[in-house]
């Protein structure tokens, strides 16, 4: 009975794929029933304080900081096509390289020409100096950042961003996914679409930070630096505000909006949600 169900399911998927091909009117349209995966290792000089830039589609990016200089990169390339032979050909024709541009190291990905229902995904796993400034973009994949002290600028579409033990300036944006930040210590610009933000500052983080977070269809849960000092602006369109911090209220407070300051108001704490709640502690 289970075999019959699986066969019927596969038949329906096959029929759907063929129908799409016919509707597109594209010759050579394939049903991607096979995949081939390969890994490529490479390294390049990268000094502390330099920048690292990477962009990938249908893949994840993982960045880990370390005390040594230089960059070690592992790229996982996955080809998908109607046969394993064609999937292997796609993967092998995909080229990943490290290119230096001044004080920035860029990951370059060149993919072969694809026909409908063929795909190539490239995931990146890099080890870089702790003081590196990463500039990262993914589509349909996640970003994970650990032990980075530099400025972070990360964007993901249909994925999530996760940072751990990161210090410095953090600029993170995700569409259709969550942002998770653990043990951060510096300025943070976080934005999500169809996902929430869960951020926690380290115990030794400076109190004067620029913390700006915006979500669409998601909530914000924030643990601020222990000695936070900031001008506060909290607002939500379809949600509530819950705070355990000693905020001096300025103006009128309501369920959906709160303005004030914490301490001397030296930093900035601006949180905004659409269809989500805000909780800070």
Protein backbone atom coordinates (compact mmCIF):
# COMPACT_ATOMS: atom_id res chain seq x y z
CA UNK A 1 0.00 0.00 0.00
CA UNK A 2 2.83 2.39 0.89
CA UNK A 3 4.63 1.62 -2.37
CA UNK A 4 1.45 2.38 -4.35
CA UNK A 5 1.09 5.72 -2.56
CA UNK A 6 4.70 6.66 -3.29
CA UNK A 7 4.33 5.63 -6.96
CA UNK A 8 1.16 7.69 -7.29
CA UNK A 9 2.88 10.67 -5.69
CA UNK A 10 5.84 10.38 -8.07
CA UNK A 11 3.47 10.05 -11.03
CA UNK A 12 1.70 13.26 -10.04
CA UNK A 13 5.02 15.10 -9.67
CA UNK A 14 6.16 13.85 -13.07
CA UNK A 15 2.91 14.87 -14.74
CA UNK A 16 3.11 18.30 -13.10
CA UNK A 17 6.67 18.79 -14.34
CA UNK A 18 5.81 17.76 -17.89
CA UNK A 19 2.77 20.05 -17.88
CA UNK A 20 4.94 23.00 -16.85
CA UNK A 21 7.37 22.22 -19.64
CA UNK A 22 4.52 22.08 -22.19
CA UNK A 23 3.06 25.33 -20.93
CA UNK A 24 6.45 27.00 -21.18
CA UNK A 25 6.83 25.65 -24.69
CA UNK A 26 10.55 25.14 -24.04
CA UNK A 27 12.50 22.47 -25.88
CA UNK A 28 14.94 20.41 -23.88
CA UNK A 29 13.02 20.88 -20.63
CA UNK A 30 14.15 18.37 -18.00
CA UNK A 31 12.67 16.98 -14.81
CA UNK A 32 15.37 17.28 -12.08
CA UNK A 33 15.28 13.75 -10.65
CA UNK A 34 19.02 13.41 -9.90
CA UNK A 35 21.67 15.43 -8.09
CA UNK A 36 25.44 15.41 -7.80
CA UNK A 37 27.40 17.06 -4.98
CA UNK A 38 31.09 17.96 -4.83
CA UNK A 39 33.31 20.05 -2.54
CA UNK A 40 36.13 22.39 -3.45
CA UNK A 41 38.73 23.67 -0.96
CA UNK A 42 40.78 26.83 -1.43
CA UNK A 43 42.69 29.44 0.56
CA UNK A 44 43.96 32.99 0.12
CA UNK A 45 45.77 35.66 2.18
CA UNK A 46 43.48 37.80 4.35
CA UNK A 47 44.82 40.21 6.97
CA UNK A 48 43.00 41.14 10.17
CA UNK A 49 40.80 44.20 9.62
CA UNK A 50 40.14 43.32 5.97
CA UNK A 51 36.76 42.64 4.35
CA UNK A 52 35.31 39.37 3.06
CA UNK A 53 32.50 39.45 0.49
CA UNK A 54 30.34 36.53 -0.66
CA UNK A 55 27.02 36.12 -2.46
CA UNK A 56 25.26 32.87 -3.30
CA UNK A 57 21.88 31.66 -4.59
CA UNK A 58 20.22 28.49 -3.26
CA UNK A 59 22.92 27.89 -0.67
CA UNK A 60 24.07 28.84 2.83
CA UNK A 61 27.06 30.83 4.08
CA UNK A 62 28.91 29.99 7.30
CA UNK A 63 31.64 32.29 8.59
CA UNK A 64 33.82 31.43 11.60
CA UNK A 65 36.41 33.77 13.07
CA UNK A 66 39.83 32.68 14.33
CA UNK A 67 43.06 34.24 15.59
CA UNK A 68 45.10 33.27 12.50
CA UNK A 69 45.28 35.34 9.35
CA UNK A 70 44.28 34.04 5.93
CA UNK A 71 41.02 32.63 4.58
CA UNK A 72 40.20 28.94 4.18
CA UNK A 73 37.08 28.31 2.13
CA UNK A 74 35.11 25.14 1.41
CA UNK A 75 32.49 25.40 -1.33
CA UNK A 76 29.83 22.70 -1.62
CA UNK A 77 28.48 22.62 -5.18
CA UNK A 78 25.27 20.70 -5.94
CA UNK A 79 23.97 20.15 -9.47
CA UNK A 80 20.44 18.96 -10.19
CA UNK A 81 19.20 17.61 -13.54
CA UNK A 82 17.30 14.74 -15.16
CA UNK A 83 20.27 12.34 -14.79
CA UNK A 84 23.23 12.09 -12.45
CA UNK A 85 25.59 12.45 -15.41
CA UNK A 86 24.05 15.82 -16.35
CA UNK A 87 23.94 16.90 -12.69
CA UNK A 88 27.66 16.06 -12.38
CA UNK A 89 28.42 18.04 -15.52
CA UNK A 90 26.63 21.10 -14.10
CA UNK A 91 28.52 20.85 -10.80
CA UNK A 92 31.91 20.43 -12.47
CA UNK A 93 31.29 23.41 -14.78
CA UNK A 94 30.54 25.64 -11.79
CA UNK A 95 33.67 27.56 -10.78
CA UNK A 96 34.32 29.11 -7.36
CA UNK A 97 37.35 31.31 -6.73
CA UNK A 98 38.78 33.86 -4.26
CA UNK A 99 39.70 37.22 -5.78
CA UNK A 100 41.59 39.96 -3.91
CA UNK A 101 40.54 43.59 -4.46
CA UNK A 102 42.62 45.90 -2.28
CA UNK A 103 41.85 45.04 1.34
CA UNK A 104 38.77 43.00 0.35
CA UNK A 105 38.61 39.32 -0.56
CA UNK A 106 35.69 38.40 -2.82
CA UNK A 107 34.16 35.00 -3.51
CA UNK A 108 33.32 34.70 -7.20
CA UNK A 109 30.89 32.04 -8.44
CA UNK A 110 30.43 31.34 -12.14
CA UNK A 111 27.67 28.91 -13.13
CA UNK A 112 27.04 27.26 -16.51
CA UNK A 113 24.01 28.11 -18.63
CA UNK A 114 20.97 26.29 -17.25
CA UNK A 115 17.81 25.14 -19.01
CA UNK A 116 14.44 24.98 -17.20
CA UNK A 117 14.38 22.45 -14.33
CA UNK A 118 18.16 22.40 -14.00
CA UNK A 119 19.76 24.05 -11.00
CA UNK A 120 23.08 24.60 -9.27
CA UNK A 121 23.47 25.58 -5.62
CA UNK A 122 26.67 26.68 -3.93
CA UNK A 123 27.12 26.74 -0.14
CA UNK A 124 30.16 28.40 1.44
CA UNK A 125 31.99 27.60 4.69
CA UNK A 126 34.81 30.05 5.46
CA UNK A 127 37.32 30.50 8.27
CA UNK A 128 38.65 34.06 8.52
CA UNK A 129 40.45 36.31 11.07
CA UNK A 130 38.27 37.46 13.99
CA UNK A 131 38.59 41.12 12.95
CA UNK A 132 37.23 40.50 9.44
CA UNK A 133 34.35 42.65 8.10
CA UNK A 134 31.99 40.24 6.28
CA UNK A 135 29.56 41.35 3.56
CA UNK A 136 27.27 38.40 2.89
CA UNK A 137 24.18 37.79 0.74
CA UNK A 138 22.21 34.57 0.26
CA UNK A 139 19.02 33.65 -1.59
CA UNK A 140 17.13 30.57 -0.34
CA UNK A 141 19.74 29.89 2.31
CA UNK A 142 20.90 30.86 5.78
CA UNK A 143 23.82 32.88 7.14
CA UNK A 144 25.65 31.75 10.29
CA UNK A 145 28.32 33.99 11.82
CA UNK A 146 30.51 33.11 14.82
CA UNK A 147 33.40 34.80 16.63
CA UNK A 148 33.53 37.89 14.40
CA UNK A 149 34.55 41.24 15.89
CA UNK A 150 34.29 43.38 12.74
CA UNK A 151 31.41 45.10 11.01
CA UNK A 152 28.80 42.61 9.76
CA UNK A 153 26.55 43.28 6.77
CA UNK A 154 24.44 40.23 5.93
CA UNK A 155 21.31 39.82 3.81
CA UNK A 156 19.33 36.65 3.23
CA UNK A 157 16.19 35.95 1.20
CA UNK A 158 14.12 32.90 2.21
CA UNK A 159 16.58 31.96 4.93
CA UNK A 160 17.83 33.10 8.29
CA UNK A 161 20.81 34.86 9.81
CA UNK A 162 22.46 33.59 12.95
CA UNK A 163 25.36 35.28 14.71
CA UNK A 164 27.23 34.06 17.78
CA UNK A 165 30.03 35.81 19.71
CA UNK A 166 30.02 38.64 17.17
CA UNK A 167 31.19 42.14 18.13
CA UNK A 168 31.37 45.44 16.28
CA UNK A 169 28.71 46.69 13.89
CA UNK A 170 26.11 44.19 12.70
CA UNK A 171 23.80 44.88 9.77
CA UNK A 172 21.57 41.89 9.03
CA UNK A 173 18.53 41.57 6.79
CA UNK A 174 16.38 38.55 5.93
CA UNK A 175 13.24 37.94 3.86
CA UNK A 176 10.96 35.00 4.75
CA UNK A 177 13.16 33.86 7.63
CA UNK A 178 14.28 34.62 11.17
CA UNK A 179 17.27 36.56 12.47
CA UNK A 180 18.99 35.00 15.48
CA UNK A 181 21.88 36.85 17.16
CA UNK A 182 23.66 35.47 20.21
CA UNK A 183 26.31 37.18 22.35
CA UNK A 184 26.63 40.24 20.12
CA UNK A 185 28.45 43.32 21.41
CA UNK A 186 28.06 46.23 19.01
CA UNK A 187 25.73 48.22 16.81
CA UNK A 188 23.05 46.11 15.10
CA UNK A 189 20.74 46.79 12.17
CA UNK A 190 18.40 43.81 11.81
CA UNK A 191 15.46 43.45 9.41
CA UNK A 192 13.17 40.54 8.52
CA UNK A 193 10.20 39.78 6.28
CA UNK A 194 7.95 36.90 7.35
CA UNK A 195 10.17 36.07 10.31
CA UNK A 196 11.08 37.25 13.79
CA UNK A 197 14.19 38.63 15.49
CA UNK A 198 15.72 37.03 18.58
CA UNK A 199 18.82 38.92 19.72
CA UNK A 200 20.90 38.70 22.87
CA UNK A 201 23.78 40.98 23.89
CA UNK A 202 26.87 39.72 25.73
CA UNK A 203 27.39 40.56 29.39
CA UNK A 204 30.45 42.68 28.56
CA UNK A 205 28.82 44.55 25.67
CA UNK A 206 29.07 48.37 25.81
CA UNK A 207 25.89 50.11 26.95
CA UNK A 208 25.93 52.78 24.24
CA UNK A 209 24.87 51.00 21.03
CA UNK A 210 22.82 51.74 17.93
CA UNK A 211 20.15 49.00 17.94
CA UNK A 212 17.65 49.23 15.08
CA UNK A 213 15.34 46.29 14.32
CA UNK A 214 12.37 45.96 11.97
CA UNK A 215 10.16 42.95 11.24
CA UNK A 216 7.22 42.21 8.95
CA UNK A 217 5.00 39.34 10.11
CA UNK A 218 7.25 38.50 13.04
CA UNK A 219 8.06 39.46 16.63
CA UNK A 220 11.16 40.94 18.26
CA UNK A 221 12.72 39.44 21.39
CA UNK A 222 15.73 41.44 22.58
CA UNK A 223 18.12 41.13 25.51
CA UNK A 224 19.94 44.48 25.69
CA UNK A 225 23.46 45.17 27.01
CA UNK A 226 23.54 45.12 30.85
CA UNK A 227 24.24 48.87 31.18
CA UNK A 228 22.25 50.01 28.17
CA UNK A 229 21.85 53.77 27.66
CA UNK A 230 19.62 54.74 24.76
CA UNK A 231 16.86 56.89 23.35
CA UNK A 232 13.94 54.50 22.93
CA UNK A 233 11.37 54.27 20.16
CA UNK A 234 9.16 51.16 20.14
CA UNK A 235 6.18 50.65 17.84
CA UNK A 236 4.04 47.79 16.56
CA UNK A 237 1.08 47.81 14.18
CA UNK A 238 -0.62 44.55 15.13
CA UNK A 239 0.99 43.40 18.37
CA UNK A 240 1.92 44.40 21.91
CA UNK A 241 4.96 45.85 23.72
CA UNK A 242 6.42 44.17 26.80
CA UNK A 243 9.50 45.59 28.50
CA UNK A 244 11.27 44.83 31.75
CA UNK A 245 13.68 47.79 31.43
CA UNK A 246 13.53 51.04 33.46
CA UNK A 247 12.38 53.34 30.65
CA UNK A 248 11.64 57.00 31.34
CA UNK A 249 8.51 57.66 29.28
CA UNK A 250 8.39 60.71 27.02
CA UNK A 251 4.99 61.74 25.69
CA UNK A 252 1.97 59.42 25.55
CA UNK A 253 2.35 55.67 25.87
CA UNK A 254 -0.07 53.19 24.31
CA UNK A 255 -0.33 49.47 23.65
CA UNK A 256 1.33 49.89 20.25
CA UNK A 257 3.79 52.73 20.80
CA UNK A 258 6.34 53.83 23.41
CA UNK A 259 8.89 56.65 23.35
CA UNK A 260 11.39 57.41 26.10
CA UNK A 261 14.96 56.85 27.22
CA UNK A 262 17.05 54.48 29.30
CA UNK A 263 19.76 56.05 31.45
CA UNK A 264 21.25 59.12 29.78
CA UNK A 265 19.88 58.12 26.36
CA UNK A 266 23.33 58.08 24.73
CA UNK A 267 22.66 55.24 22.27
CA UNK A 268 19.64 54.38 20.17
CA UNK A 269 17.04 51.64 20.55
CA UNK A 270 14.48 51.64 17.76
CA UNK A 271 12.29 48.56 17.33
CA UNK A 272 9.35 48.30 14.92
CA UNK A 273 7.12 45.35 14.02
CA UNK A 274 4.24 44.72 11.62
CA UNK A 275 1.98 41.86 12.72
CA UNK A 276 4.20 40.99 15.66
CA UNK A 277 4.98 41.87 19.27
CA UNK A 278 8.04 43.41 20.96
CA UNK A 279 9.66 42.06 24.10
CA UNK A 280 12.83 43.57 25.58
CA UNK A 281 14.68 42.83 28.77
